[in-house]
Amino acid sequence: MKKVIFLSLLLTSCYSVERNCLDFKTGVFEFSTSINDSLVTSTFTRTNEFEIEMYNGIEDSSSISWVNNCEFLLTKINPRTNQEKRPIRIKILRTYGDQYDFEYSQVNNAQKISRGSVIKISE
């Protein structure tokens, strides 16, 4: 029994996910995703209170409300639709080097969770 407990502790301690979320609280970032078989990229700047995104020449701003060091809510400042009025929950799952993996969903639609990766390109 002691061997089983020791072995399970050893195996779980060897695989720990790095989450240095504070390194990604502010800065300039790049996010790429595939839409209709095309790779699209957006760039955004994050401060402690705001996130300003540039996508296809259009600037969009959101306020940030940090839940904890690795999770925050984004709420559009000037929403154009009722759907844009709903906050987006973002949770950083793993950090590595200048990148992080995250999941996101609308606050009222937790069944539809998407994932992505972001690269920090400057402070």
PDB file of N, CA and C in Angstrom:
ATOM      1  N   MET A   1       0.822  -1.194   0.000  1.00  0.00           N
ATOM      2  CA  MET A   1       0.000   0.000   0.000  1.00  0.00           C
ATOM      3  C   MET A   1       0.873   1.268   0.000  1.00  0.00           C
ATOM      4  N   LYS A   2       1.914   1.272   0.821  1.00  0.00           N
ATOM      5  CA  LYS A   2       2.801   2.433   0.882  1.00  0.00           C
ATOM      6  C   LYS A   2       3.503   2.660  -0.455  1.00  0.00           C
ATOM      7  N   LYS A   3       3.839   1.563  -1.146  1.00  0.00           N
ATOM      8  CA  LYS A   3       4.494   1.684  -2.443  1.00  0.00           C
ATOM      9  C   LYS A   3       3.567   2.327  -3.466  1.00  0.00           C
ATOM     10  N   VAL A   4       2.291   1.984  -3.423  1.00  0.00           N
ATOM     11  CA  VAL A   4       1.314   2.546  -4.364  1.00  0.00           C
ATOM     12  C   VAL A   4       1.152   4.040  -4.124  1.00  0.00           C
ATOM     13  N   ILE A   5       1.052   4.452  -2.883  1.00  0.00           N
ATOM     14  CA  ILE A   5       0.908   5.868  -2.545  1.00  0.00           C
ATOM     15  C   ILE A   5       2.155   6.641  -2.959  1.00  0.00           C
ATOM     16  N   PHE A   6       3.333   6.078  -2.649  1.00  0.00           N
ATOM     17  CA  PHE A   6       4.583   6.738  -3.023  1.00  0.00           C
ATOM     18  C   PHE A   6       4.695   6.869  -4.539  1.00  0.00           C
ATOM     19  N   LEU A   7       4.370   5.812  -5.259  1.00  0.00           N
ATOM     20  CA  LEU A   7       4.455   5.830  -6.716  1.00  0.00           C
ATOM     21  C   LEU A   7       3.480   6.838  -7.312  1.00  0.00           C
ATOM     22  N   SER A   8       2.271   6.911  -6.799  1.00  0.00           N
ATOM     23  CA  SER A   8       1.301   7.881  -7.340  1.00  0.00           C
ATOM     24  C   SER A   8       1.727   9.311  -7.037  1.00  0.00           C
ATOM     25  N   LEU A   9       2.293   9.553  -5.873  1.00  0.00           N
ATOM     26  CA  LEU A   9       2.803  10.891  -5.557  1.00  0.00           C
ATOM     27  C   LEU A   9       3.983  11.250  -6.450  1.00  0.00           C
ATOM     28  N   LEU A  10       4.852  10.296  -6.685  1.00  0.00           N
ATOM     29  CA  LEU A  10       6.007  10.528  -7.539  1.00  0.00           C
ATOM     30  C   LEU A  10       5.584  10.847  -8.968  1.00  0.00           C
ATOM     31  N   LEU A  11       4.630  10.112  -9.497  1.00  0.00           N
ATOM     32  CA  LEU A  11       4.174  10.338 -10.864  1.00  0.00           C
ATOM     33  C   LEU A  11       3.439  11.665 -11.025  1.00  0.00           C
ATOM     34  N   THR A  12       2.619  12.024 -10.064  1.00  0.00           N
ATOM     35  CA  THR A  12       1.901  13.288 -10.180  1.00  0.00           C
ATOM     36  C   THR A  12       2.815  14.479  -9.953  1.00  0.00           C
ATOM     37  N   SER A  13       3.845  14.328  -9.131  1.00  0.00           N
ATOM     38  CA  SER A  13       4.755  15.449  -8.906  1.00  0.00           C
ATOM     39  C   SER A  13       5.689  15.664 -10.087  1.00  0.00           C
ATOM     40  N   CYS A  14       5.910  14.643 -10.893  1.00  0.00           N
ATOM     41  CA  CYS A  14       6.775  14.782 -12.063  1.00  0.00           C
ATOM     42  C   CYS A  14       6.085  15.552 -13.187  1.00  0.00           C
ATOM     43  N   TYR A  15       4.794  15.537 -13.192  1.00  0.00           N
ATOM     44  CA  TYR A  15       4.063  16.225 -14.252  1.00  0.00           C
ATOM     45  C   TYR A  15       3.285  17.382 -13.657  1.00  0.00           C
ATOM     46  N   SER A  16       3.919  18.526 -13.603  1.00  0.00           N
ATOM     47  CA  SER A  16       3.233  19.717 -13.117  1.00  0.00           C
ATOM     48  C   SER A  16       3.210  20.742 -14.242  1.00  0.00           C
ATOM     49  N   VAL A  17       2.080  21.343 -14.429  1.00  0.00           N
ATOM     50  CA  VAL A  17       1.893  22.322 -15.490  1.00  0.00           C
ATOM     51  C   VAL A  17       2.401  23.669 -15.001  1.00  0.00           C
ATOM     52  N   GLU A  18       3.240  24.303 -15.808  1.00  0.00           N
ATOM     53  CA  GLU A  18       3.776  25.607 -15.455  1.00  0.00           C
ATOM     54  C   GLU A  18       2.701  26.667 -15.694  1.00  0.00           C
ATOM     55  N   ARG A  19       2.498  27.532 -14.709  1.00  0.00           N
ATOM     56  CA  ARG A  19       1.510  28.609 -14.829  1.00  0.00           C
ATOM     57  C   ARG A  19       2.069  29.883 -14.211  1.00  0.00           C
ATOM     58  N   ASN A  20       2.940  30.557 -14.950  1.00  0.00           N
ATOM     59  CA  ASN A  20       3.473  31.846 -14.524  1.00  0.00           C
ATOM     60  C   ASN A  20       2.594  32.947 -15.113  1.00  0.00           C
ATOM     61  N   CYS A  21       1.365  32.994 -14.669  1.00  0.00           N
ATOM     62  CA  CYS A  21       0.357  33.875 -15.257  1.00  0.00           C
ATOM     63  C   CYS A  21       0.695  35.356 -15.099  1.00  0.00           C
ATOM     64  N   LEU A  22       1.354  35.728 -14.022  1.00  0.00           N
ATOM     65  CA  LEU A  22       1.669  37.143 -13.808  1.00  0.00           C
ATOM     66  C   LEU A  22       2.564  37.702 -14.907  1.00  0.00           C
ATOM     67  N   ASP A  23       3.351  36.835 -15.572  1.00  0.00           N
ATOM     68  CA  ASP A  23       4.198  37.279 -16.679  1.00  0.00           C
ATOM     69  C   ASP A  23       3.376  37.747 -17.878  1.00  0.00           C
ATOM     70  N   PHE A  24       2.102  37.398 -17.908  1.00  0.00           N
ATOM     71  CA  PHE A  24       1.241  37.700 -19.057  1.00  0.00           C
ATOM     72  C   PHE A  24       0.105  38.656 -18.706  1.00  0.00           C
ATOM     73  N   LYS A  25       0.206  39.293 -17.571  1.00  0.00           N
ATOM     74  CA  LYS A  25      -0.853  40.209 -17.144  1.00  0.00           C
ATOM     75  C   LYS A  25      -0.872  41.484 -17.990  1.00  0.00           C
ATOM     76  N   THR A  26       0.290  41.934 -18.435  1.00  0.00           N
ATOM     77  CA  THR A  26       0.373  43.127 -19.276  1.00  0.00           C
ATOM     78  C   THR A  26       1.357  42.865 -20.410  1.00  0.00           C
ATOM     79  N   GLY A  27       1.229  43.634 -21.487  1.00  0.00           N
ATOM     80  CA  GLY A  27       2.153  43.522 -22.602  1.00  0.00           C
ATOM     81  C   GLY A  27       1.438  43.585 -23.936  1.00  0.00           C
ATOM     82  N   VAL A  28       2.183  43.279 -25.000  1.00  0.00           N
ATOM     83  CA  VAL A  28       1.644  43.234 -26.358  1.00  0.00           C
ATOM     84  C   VAL A  28       1.685  41.768 -26.794  1.00  0.00           C
ATOM     85  N   PHE A  29       0.564  41.281 -27.322  1.00  0.00           N
ATOM     86  CA  PHE A  29       0.400  39.868 -27.614  1.00  0.00           C
ATOM     87  C   PHE A  29      -0.111  39.654 -29.033  1.00  0.00           C
ATOM     88  N   GLU A  30       0.053  38.418 -29.515  1.00  0.00           N
ATOM     89  CA  GLU A  30      -0.435  38.040 -30.835  1.00  0.00           C
ATOM     90  C   GLU A  30      -1.196  36.721 -30.706  1.00  0.00           C
ATOM     91  N   PHE A  31      -2.375  36.680 -31.332  1.00  0.00           N
ATOM     92  CA  PHE A  31      -3.223  35.500 -31.307  1.00  0.00           C
ATOM     93  C   PHE A  31      -3.560  35.122 -32.736  1.00  0.00           C
ATOM     94  N   SER A  32      -3.333  33.862 -33.093  1.00  0.00           N
ATOM     95  CA  SER A  32      -3.649  33.378 -34.438  1.00  0.00           C
ATOM     96  C   SER A  32      -4.634  32.228 -34.332  1.00  0.00           C
ATOM     97  N   THR A  33      -5.573  32.183 -35.266  1.00  0.00           N
ATOM     98  CA  THR A  33      -6.553  31.103 -35.306  1.00  0.00           C
ATOM     99  C   THR A  33      -6.956  30.846 -36.746  1.00  0.00           C
ATOM    100  N   SER A  34      -7.538  29.712 -36.985  1.00  0.00           N
ATOM    101  CA  SER A  34      -7.987  29.353 -38.327  1.00  0.00           C
ATOM    102  C   SER A  34      -9.488  29.617 -38.443  1.00  0.00           C
ATOM    103  N   ILE A  35      -9.863  30.424 -39.435  1.00  0.00           N
ATOM    104  CA  ILE A  35     -11.268  30.707 -39.721  1.00  0.00           C
ATOM    105  C   ILE A  35     -11.498  30.438 -41.200  1.00  0.00           C
ATOM    106  N   ASN A  36     -12.416  29.521 -41.491  1.00  0.00           N
ATOM    107  CA  ASN A  36     -12.727  29.154 -42.879  1.00  0.00           C
ATOM    108  C   ASN A  36     -11.465  28.799 -43.669  1.00  0.00           C
ATOM    109  N   ASP A  37     -10.632  27.949 -43.108  1.00  0.00           N
ATOM    110  CA  ASP A  37      -9.400  27.481 -43.741  1.00  0.00           C
ATOM    111  C   ASP A  37      -8.369  28.579 -43.992  1.00  0.00           C
ATOM    112  N   SER A  38      -8.504  29.712 -43.341  1.00  0.00           N
ATOM    113  CA  SER A  38      -7.530  30.792 -43.445  1.00  0.00           C
ATOM    114  C   SER A  38      -6.976  31.097 -42.056  1.00  0.00           C
ATOM    115  N   LEU A  39      -5.684  31.343 -41.986  1.00  0.00           N
ATOM    116  CA  LEU A  39      -5.059  31.719 -40.724  1.00  0.00           C
ATOM    117  C   LEU A  39      -5.198  33.231 -40.544  1.00  0.00           C
ATOM    118  N   VAL A  40      -5.853  33.636 -39.465  1.00  0.00           N
ATOM    119  CA  VAL A  40      -6.025  35.058 -39.174  1.00  0.00           C
ATOM    120  C   VAL A  40      -5.305  35.373 -37.862  1.00  0.00           C
ATOM    121  N   THR A  41      -4.751  36.574 -37.790  1.00  0.00           N
ATOM    122  CA  THR A  41      -3.974  36.987 -36.631  1.00  0.00           C
ATOM    123  C   THR A  41      -4.478  38.325 -36.120  1.00  0.00           C
ATOM    124  N   SER A  42      -4.563  38.438 -34.812  1.00  0.00           N
ATOM    125  CA  SER A  42      -4.881  39.724 -34.198  1.00  0.00           C
ATOM    126  C   SER A  42      -3.778  40.049 -33.203  1.00  0.00           C
ATOM    127  N   THR A  43      -3.576  41.326 -32.989  1.00  0.00           N
ATOM    128  CA  THR A  43      -2.597  41.811 -32.025  1.00  0.00           C
ATOM    129  C   THR A  43      -3.347  42.595 -30.971  1.00  0.00           C
ATOM    130  N   PHE A  44      -2.979  42.414 -29.723  1.00  0.00           N
ATOM    131  CA  PHE A  44      -3.649  43.180 -28.668  1.00  0.00           C
ATOM    132  C   PHE A  44      -2.654  43.610 -27.610  1.00  0.00           C
ATOM    133  N   THR A  45      -2.975  44.736 -26.985  1.00  0.00           N
ATOM    134  CA  THR A  45      -2.195  45.294 -25.890  1.00  0.00           C
ATOM    135  C   THR A  45      -3.029  45.180 -24.630  1.00  0.00           C
ATOM    136  N   ARG A  46      -2.435  44.634 -23.577  1.00  0.00           N
ATOM    137  CA  ARG A  46      -3.158  44.456 -22.318  1.00  0.00           C
ATOM    138  C   ARG A  46      -2.476  45.262 -21.227  1.00  0.00           C
ATOM    139  N   THR A  47      -3.274  46.062 -20.541  1.00  0.00           N
ATOM    140  CA  THR A  47      -2.823  46.763 -19.338  1.00  0.00           C
ATOM    141  C   THR A  47      -3.528  46.106 -18.153  1.00  0.00           C
ATOM    142  N   ASN A  48      -3.357  46.641 -16.969  1.00  0.00           N
ATOM    143  CA  ASN A  48      -4.046  46.080 -15.804  1.00  0.00           C
ATOM    144  C   ASN A  48      -5.558  46.231 -15.890  1.00  0.00           C
ATOM    145  N   GLU A  49      -6.038  47.227 -16.654  1.00  0.00           N
ATOM    146  CA  GLU A  49      -7.471  47.519 -16.694  1.00  0.00           C
ATOM    147  C   GLU A  49      -8.127  47.318 -18.052  1.00  0.00           C
ATOM    148  N   PHE A  50      -7.329  47.332 -19.143  1.00  0.00           N
ATOM    149  CA  PHE A  50      -7.920  47.288 -20.478  1.00  0.00           C
ATOM    150  C   PHE A  50      -7.159  46.352 -21.407  1.00  0.00           C
ATOM    151  N   GLU A  51      -7.885  45.893 -22.443  1.00  0.00           N
ATOM    152  CA  GLU A  51      -7.275  45.155 -23.532  1.00  0.00           C
ATOM    153  C   GLU A  51      -7.727  45.801 -24.833  1.00  0.00           C
ATOM    154  N   ILE A  52      -6.778  46.225 -25.651  1.00  0.00           N
ATOM    155  CA  ILE A  52      -7.077  46.899 -26.917  1.00  0.00           C
ATOM    156  C   ILE A  52      -6.589  45.994 -28.033  1.00  0.00           C
ATOM    157  N   GLU A  53      -7.537  45.519 -28.853  1.00  0.00           N
ATOM    158  CA  GLU A  53      -7.230  44.555 -29.910  1.00  0.00           C
ATOM    159  C   GLU A  53      -7.298  45.223 -31.275  1.00  0.00           C
ATOM    160  N   MET A  54      -6.365  44.827 -32.151  1.00  0.00           N
ATOM    161  CA  MET A  54      -6.362  45.293 -33.535  1.00  0.00           C
ATOM    162  C   MET A  54      -6.559  44.065 -34.415  1.00  0.00           C
ATOM    163  N   TYR A  55      -7.679  44.061 -35.168  1.00  0.00           N
ATOM    164  CA  TYR A  55      -7.996  42.937 -36.048  1.00  0.00           C
ATOM    165  C   TYR A  55      -8.565  43.482 -37.355  1.00  0.00           C
ATOM    166  N   ASN A  56      -7.925  43.139 -38.465  1.00  0.00           N
ATOM    167  CA  ASN A  56      -8.349  43.617 -39.794  1.00  0.00           C
ATOM    168  C   ASN A  56      -8.468  45.138 -39.853  1.00  0.00           C
ATOM    169  N   GLY A  57      -7.546  45.834 -39.192  1.00  0.00           N
ATOM    170  CA  GLY A  57      -7.544  47.285 -39.219  1.00  0.00           C
ATOM    171  C   GLY A  57      -8.572  47.939 -38.316  1.00  0.00           C
ATOM    172  N   ILE A  58      -9.286  47.151 -37.536  1.00  0.00           N
ATOM    173  CA  ILE A  58     -10.314  47.677 -36.635  1.00  0.00           C
ATOM    174  C   ILE A  58      -9.832  47.515 -35.200  1.00  0.00           C
ATOM    175  N   GLU A  59      -9.900  48.597 -34.436  1.00  0.00           N
ATOM    176  CA  GLU A  59      -9.495  48.580 -33.033  1.00  0.00           C
ATOM    177  C   GLU A  59     -10.724  48.333 -32.170  1.00  0.00           C
ATOM    178  N   ASP A  60     -10.588  47.460 -31.195  1.00  0.00           N
ATOM    179  CA  ASP A  60     -11.686  47.131 -30.291  1.00  0.00           C
ATOM    180  C   ASP A  60     -11.145  47.109 -28.872  1.00  0.00           C
ATOM    181  N   SER A  61     -11.871  47.681 -27.934  1.00  0.00           N
ATOM    182  CA  SER A  61     -11.400  47.789 -26.554  1.00  0.00           C
ATOM    183  C   SER A  61     -12.336  47.066 -25.599  1.00  0.00           C
ATOM    184  N   SER A  62     -11.732  46.444 -24.595  1.00  0.00           N
ATOM    185  CA  SER A  62     -12.487  45.753 -23.554  1.00  0.00           C
ATOM    186  C   SER A  62     -11.897  46.113 -22.202  1.00  0.00           C
ATOM    187  N   SER A  63     -12.741  46.093 -21.179  1.00  0.00           N
ATOM    188  CA  SER A  63     -12.239  46.262 -19.819  1.00  0.00           C
ATOM    189  C   SER A  63     -11.915  44.881 -19.263  1.00  0.00           C
ATOM    190  N   ILE A  64     -10.961  44.839 -18.346  1.00  0.00           N
ATOM    191  CA  ILE A  64     -10.529  43.580 -17.742  1.00  0.00           C
ATOM    192  C   ILE A  64     -10.896  43.583 -16.268  1.00  0.00           C
ATOM    193  N   SER A  65     -11.449  42.471 -15.838  1.00  0.00           N
ATOM    194  CA  SER A  65     -11.719  42.246 -14.422  1.00  0.00           C
ATOM    195  C   SER A  65     -11.043  40.927 -14.043  1.00  0.00           C
ATOM    196  N   TRP A  66      -9.949  41.014 -13.264  1.00  0.00           N
ATOM    197  CA  TRP A  66      -9.195  39.819 -12.899  1.00  0.00           C
ATOM    198  C   TRP A  66      -9.912  39.072 -11.789  1.00  0.00           C
ATOM    199  N   VAL A  67     -10.163  37.787 -11.988  1.00  0.00           N
ATOM    200  CA  VAL A  67     -10.789  36.914 -10.997  1.00  0.00           C
ATOM    201  C   VAL A  67      -9.707  36.389 -10.054  1.00  0.00           C
ATOM    202  N   ASN A  68      -8.583  35.971 -10.637  1.00  0.00           N
ATOM    203  CA  ASN A  68      -7.394  35.558  -9.892  1.00  0.00           C
ATOM    204  C   ASN A  68      -6.194  35.766 -10.823  1.00  0.00           C
ATOM    205  N   ASN A  69      -5.019  35.312 -10.461  1.00  0.00           N
ATOM    206  CA  ASN A  69      -3.827  35.570 -11.280  1.00  0.00           C
ATOM    207  C   ASN A  69      -3.888  34.933 -12.660  1.00  0.00           C
ATOM    208  N   CYS A  70      -4.700  33.891 -12.835  1.00  0.00           N
ATOM    209  CA  CYS A  70      -4.741  33.160 -14.105  1.00  0.00           C
ATOM    210  C   CYS A  70      -6.099  33.214 -14.801  1.00  0.00           C
ATOM    211  N   GLU A  71      -7.017  33.998 -14.319  1.00  0.00           N
ATOM    212  CA  GLU A  71      -8.350  34.044 -14.918  1.00  0.00           C
ATOM    213  C   GLU A  71      -8.897  35.467 -14.867  1.00  0.00           C
ATOM    214  N   PHE A  72      -9.518  35.891 -15.988  1.00  0.00           N
ATOM    215  CA  PHE A  72     -10.090  37.229 -16.037  1.00  0.00           C
ATOM    216  C   PHE A  72     -11.299  37.266 -16.948  1.00  0.00           C
ATOM    217  N   LEU A  73     -12.065  38.340 -16.813  1.00  0.00           N
ATOM    218  CA  LEU A  73     -13.239  38.578 -17.644  1.00  0.00           C
ATOM    219  C   LEU A  73     -12.973  39.778 -18.538  1.00  0.00           C
ATOM    220  N   LEU A  74     -13.324  39.651 -19.819  1.00  0.00           N
ATOM    221  CA  LEU A  74     -13.225  40.758 -20.772  1.00  0.00           C
ATOM    222  C   LEU A  74     -14.632  41.208 -21.114  1.00  0.00           C
ATOM    223  N   THR A  75     -14.901  42.513 -20.987  1.00  0.00           N
ATOM    224  CA  THR A  75     -16.199  43.079 -21.336  1.00  0.00           C
ATOM    225  C   THR A  75     -15.969  44.205 -22.332  1.00  0.00           C
ATOM    226  N   LYS A  76     -16.581  44.096 -23.503  1.00  0.00           N
ATOM    227  CA  LYS A  76     -16.412  45.118 -24.546  1.00  0.00           C
ATOM    228  C   LYS A  76     -16.876  46.472 -24.024  1.00  0.00           C
ATOM    229  N   ILE A  77     -16.107  47.504 -24.352  1.00  0.00           N
ATOM    230  CA  ILE A  77     -16.449  48.856 -23.902  1.00  0.00           C
ATOM    231  C   ILE A  77     -17.568  49.440 -24.759  1.00  0.00           C
ATOM    232  N   ASN A  78     -17.521  49.226 -26.067  1.00  0.00           N
ATOM    233  CA  ASN A  78     -18.556  49.714 -26.975  1.00  0.00           C
ATOM    234  C   ASN A  78     -19.149  48.548 -27.775  1.00  0.00           C
ATOM    235  N   PRO A  79     -19.993  47.727 -27.125  1.00  0.00           N
ATOM    236  CA  PRO A  79     -20.553  46.579 -27.830  1.00  0.00           C
ATOM    237  C   PRO A  79     -21.526  47.022 -28.925  1.00  0.00           C
ATOM    238  N   ARG A  80     -21.500  46.289 -30.053  1.00  0.00           N
ATOM    239  CA  ARG A  80     -22.394  46.601 -31.165  1.00  0.00           C
ATOM    240  C   ARG A  80     -23.642  45.721 -31.170  1.00  0.00           C
ATOM    241  N   THR A  81     -23.571  44.583 -30.479  1.00  0.00           N
ATOM    242  CA  THR A  81     -24.704  43.657 -30.434  1.00  0.00           C
ATOM    243  C   THR A  81     -24.945  43.229 -28.989  1.00  0.00           C
ATOM    244  N   ASN A  82     -26.097  42.590 -28.752  1.00  0.00           N
ATOM    245  CA  ASN A  82     -26.378  42.073 -27.409  1.00  0.00           C
ATOM    246  C   ASN A  82     -25.378  40.977 -27.029  1.00  0.00           C
ATOM    247  N   GLN A  83     -24.955  40.178 -28.004  1.00  0.00           N
ATOM    248  CA  GLN A  83     -23.990  39.134 -27.726  1.00  0.00           C
ATOM    249  C   GLN A  83     -22.654  39.730 -27.272  1.00  0.00           C
ATOM    250  N   GLU A  84     -22.229  40.836 -27.861  1.00  0.00           N
ATOM    251  CA  GLU A  84     -20.974  41.475 -27.462  1.00  0.00           C
ATOM    252  C   GLU A  84     -21.043  42.103 -26.079  1.00  0.00           C
ATOM    253  N   LYS A  85     -22.242  42.306 -25.556  1.00  0.00           N
ATOM    254  CA  LYS A  85     -22.392  42.856 -24.209  1.00  0.00           C
ATOM    255  C   LYS A  85     -22.025  41.840 -23.136  1.00  0.00           C
ATOM    256  N   ARG A  86     -22.063  40.547 -23.493  1.00  0.00           N
ATOM    257  CA  ARG A  86     -21.767  39.488 -22.530  1.00  0.00           C
ATOM    258  C   ARG A  86     -20.255  39.345 -22.345  1.00  0.00           C
ATOM    259  N   PRO A  87     -19.805  39.276 -21.105  1.00  0.00           N
ATOM    260  CA  PRO A  87     -18.365  39.125 -20.850  1.00  0.00           C
ATOM    261  C   PRO A  87     -17.833  37.779 -21.343  1.00  0.00           C
ATOM    262  N   ILE A  88     -16.551  37.767 -21.658  1.00  0.00           N
ATOM    263  CA  ILE A  88     -15.843  36.546 -22.036  1.00  0.00           C
ATOM    264  C   ILE A  88     -14.927  36.171 -20.873  1.00  0.00           C
ATOM    265  N   ARG A  89     -15.024  34.917 -20.442  1.00  0.00           N
ATOM    266  CA  ARG A  89     -14.148  34.410 -19.381  1.00  0.00           C
ATOM    267  C   ARG A  89     -12.925  33.782 -20.033  1.00  0.00           C
ATOM    268  N   ILE A  90     -11.734  34.187 -19.598  1.00  0.00           N
ATOM    269  CA  ILE A  90     -10.491  33.649 -20.130  1.00  0.00           C
ATOM    270  C   ILE A  90      -9.689  33.065 -18.967  1.00  0.00           C
ATOM    271  N   LYS A  91      -9.253  31.824 -19.157  1.00  0.00           N
ATOM    272  CA  LYS A  91      -8.475  31.139 -18.127  1.00  0.00           C
ATOM    273  C   LYS A  91      -7.172  30.642 -18.755  1.00  0.00           C
ATOM    274  N   ILE A  92      -6.048  31.093 -18.202  1.00  0.00           N
ATOM    275  CA  ILE A  92      -4.738  30.645 -18.659  1.00  0.00           C
ATOM    276  C   ILE A  92      -4.497  29.251 -18.082  1.00  0.00           C
ATOM    277  N   LEU A  93      -4.277  28.285 -18.985  1.00  0.00           N
ATOM    278  CA  LEU A  93      -4.115  26.891 -18.569  1.00  0.00           C
ATOM    279  C   LEU A  93      -2.658  26.500 -18.352  1.00  0.00           C
ATOM    280  N   ARG A  94      -1.771  27.051 -19.202  1.00  0.00           N
ATOM    281  CA  ARG A  94      -0.367  26.663 -19.160  1.00  0.00           C
ATOM    282  C   ARG A  94       0.471  27.774 -19.759  1.00  0.00           C
ATOM    283  N   THR A  95       1.628  28.017 -19.172  1.00  0.00           N
ATOM    284  CA  THR A  95       2.562  29.000 -19.723  1.00  0.00           C
ATOM    285  C   THR A  95       3.854  28.284 -20.062  1.00  0.00           C
ATOM    286  N   TYR A  96       4.521  28.767 -21.103  1.00  0.00           N
ATOM    287  CA  TYR A  96       5.822  28.218 -21.485  1.00  0.00           C
ATOM    288  C   TYR A  96       6.532  29.269 -22.322  1.00  0.00           C
ATOM    289  N   GLY A  97       7.720  29.679 -21.834  1.00  0.00           N
ATOM    290  CA  GLY A  97       8.478  30.717 -22.516  1.00  0.00           C
ATOM    291  C   GLY A  97       7.679  32.001 -22.636  1.00  0.00           C
ATOM    292  N   ASP A  98       7.516  32.482 -23.868  1.00  0.00           N
ATOM    293  CA  ASP A  98       6.757  33.709 -24.111  1.00  0.00           C
ATOM    294  C   ASP A  98       5.345  33.413 -24.617  1.00  0.00           C
ATOM    295  N   GLN A  99       4.822  32.220 -24.321  1.00  0.00           N
ATOM    296  CA  GLN A  99       3.497  31.826 -24.796  1.00  0.00           C
ATOM    297  C   GLN A  99       2.632  31.288 -23.661  1.00  0.00           C
ATOM    298  N   TYR A 100       1.323  31.297 -23.889  1.00  0.00           N
ATOM    299  CA  TYR A 100       0.417  30.614 -22.976  1.00  0.00           C
ATOM    300  C   TYR A 100      -0.744  30.012 -23.748  1.00  0.00           C
ATOM    301  N   ASP A 101      -1.261  28.905 -23.207  1.00  0.00           N
ATOM    302  CA  ASP A 101      -2.462  28.263 -23.717  1.00  0.00           C
ATOM    303  C   ASP A 101      -3.606  28.679 -22.812  1.00  0.00           C
ATOM    304  N   PHE A 102      -4.776  28.888 -23.402  1.00  0.00           N
ATOM    305  CA  PHE A 102      -5.904  29.347 -22.619  1.00  0.00           C
ATOM    306  C   PHE A 102      -7.190  28.735 -23.141  1.00  0.00           C
ATOM    307  N   GLU A 103      -8.238  28.841 -22.316  1.00  0.00           N
ATOM    308  CA  GLU A 103      -9.581  28.493 -22.750  1.00  0.00           C
ATOM    309  C   GLU A 103     -10.462  29.705 -22.528  1.00  0.00           C
ATOM    310  N   TYR A 104     -11.499  29.813 -23.358  1.00  0.00           N
ATOM    311  CA  TYR A 104     -12.387  30.966 -23.236  1.00  0.00           C
ATOM    312  C   TYR A 104     -13.815  30.576 -23.582  1.00  0.00           C
ATOM    313  N   SER A 105     -14.746  31.295 -22.991  1.00  0.00           N
ATOM    314  CA  SER A 105     -16.171  31.085 -23.254  1.00  0.00           C
ATOM    315  C   SER A 105     -16.930  32.317 -22.791  1.00  0.00           C
ATOM    316  N   GLN A 106     -18.142  32.467 -23.316  1.00  0.00           N
ATOM    317  CA  GLN A 106     -18.994  33.524 -22.787  1.00  0.00           C
ATOM    318  C   GLN A 106     -19.420  33.103 -21.392  1.00  0.00           C
ATOM    319  N   VAL A 107     -19.585  34.070 -20.515  1.00  0.00           N
ATOM    320  CA  VAL A 107     -19.909  33.774 -19.128  1.00  0.00           C
ATOM    321  C   VAL A 107     -21.192  32.962 -19.024  1.00  0.00           C
ATOM    322  N   ASN A 108     -22.189  33.261 -19.831  1.00  0.00           N
ATOM    323  CA  ASN A 108     -23.474  32.568 -19.732  1.00  0.00           C
ATOM    324  C   ASN A 108     -23.552  31.323 -20.619  1.00  0.00           C
ATOM    325  N   ASN A 109     -22.445  30.917 -21.261  1.00  0.00           N
ATOM    326  CA  ASN A 109     -22.451  29.766 -22.142  1.00  0.00           C
ATOM    327  C   ASN A 109     -21.213  28.904 -21.885  1.00  0.00           C
ATOM    328  N   ALA A 110     -21.145  28.333 -20.696  1.00  0.00           N
ATOM    329  CA  ALA A 110     -19.977  27.548 -20.306  1.00  0.00           C
ATOM    330  C   ALA A 110     -19.899  26.207 -21.034  1.00  0.00           C
ATOM    331  N   GLN A 111     -20.960  25.804 -21.737  1.00  0.00           N
ATOM    332  CA  GLN A 111     -20.921  24.551 -22.485  1.00  0.00           C
ATOM    333  C   GLN A 111     -20.048  24.664 -23.731  1.00  0.00           C
ATOM    334  N   LYS A 112     -19.894  25.849 -24.277  1.00  0.00           N
ATOM    335  CA  LYS A 112     -19.101  26.051 -25.491  1.00  0.00           C
ATOM    336  C   LYS A 112     -17.776  26.713 -25.111  1.00  0.00           C
ATOM    337  N   ILE A 113     -16.802  25.881 -24.773  1.00  0.00           N
ATOM    338  CA  ILE A 113     -15.483  26.366 -24.383  1.00  0.00           C
ATOM    339  C   ILE A 113     -14.536  26.146 -25.552  1.00  0.00           C
ATOM    340  N   SER A 114     -13.797  27.189 -25.911  1.00  0.00           N
ATOM    341  CA  SER A 114     -12.805  27.103 -26.974  1.00  0.00           C
ATOM    342  C   SER A 114     -11.429  27.278 -26.370  1.00  0.00           C
ATOM    343  N   ARG A 115     -10.424  26.871 -27.133  1.00  0.00           N
ATOM    344  CA  ARG A 115      -9.043  26.991 -26.660  1.00  0.00           C
ATOM    345  C   ARG A 115      -8.180  27.690 -27.694  1.00  0.00           C
ATOM    346  N   GLY A 116      -7.090  28.260 -27.222  1.00  0.00           N
ATOM    347  CA  GLY A 116      -6.162  28.940 -28.112  1.00  0.00           C
ATOM    348  C   GLY A 116      -4.813  29.115 -27.458  1.00  0.00           C
ATOM    349  N   SER A 117      -3.889  29.693 -28.210  1.00  0.00           N
ATOM    350  CA  SER A 117      -2.548  30.006 -27.715  1.00  0.00           C
ATOM    351  C   SER A 117      -2.203  31.441 -28.091  1.00  0.00           C
ATOM    352  N   VAL A 118      -1.441  32.073 -27.237  1.00  0.00           N
ATOM    353  CA  VAL A 118      -1.057  33.471 -27.421  1.00  0.00           C
ATOM    354  C   VAL A 118       0.449  33.574 -27.241  1.00  0.00           C
ATOM    355  N   ILE A 119       1.065  34.450 -28.035  1.00  0.00           N
ATOM    356  CA  ILE A 119       2.490  34.741 -27.928  1.00  0.00           C
ATOM    357  C   ILE A 119       2.666  36.170 -27.445  1.00  0.00           C
ATOM    358  N   LYS A 120       3.511  36.375 -26.445  1.00  0.00           N
ATOM    359  CA  LYS A 120       3.832  37.725 -25.973  1.00  0.00           C
ATOM    360  C   LYS A 120       4.955  38.244 -26.844  1.00  0.00           C
ATOM    361  N   ILE A 121       4.711  39.390 -27.520  1.00  0.00           N
ATOM    362  CA  ILE A 121       5.725  39.906 -28.437  1.00  0.00           C
ATOM    363  C   ILE A 121       6.514  41.077 -27.852  1.00  0.00           C
ATOM    364  N   SER A 122       6.008  41.714 -26.795  1.00  0.00           N
ATOM    365  CA  SER A 122       6.777  42.754 -26.105  1.00  0.00           C
ATOM    366  C   SER A 122       6.097  43.096 -24.785  1.00  0.00           C
ATOM    367  N   GLU A 123       6.839  43.830 -23.962  1.00  0.00           N
ATOM    368  CA  GLU A 123       6.307  44.249 -22.656  1.00  0.00           C
ATOM    369  C   GLU A 123       5.257  45.286 -22.796  1.00  0.00           C
TER     370      GLU A 123
END
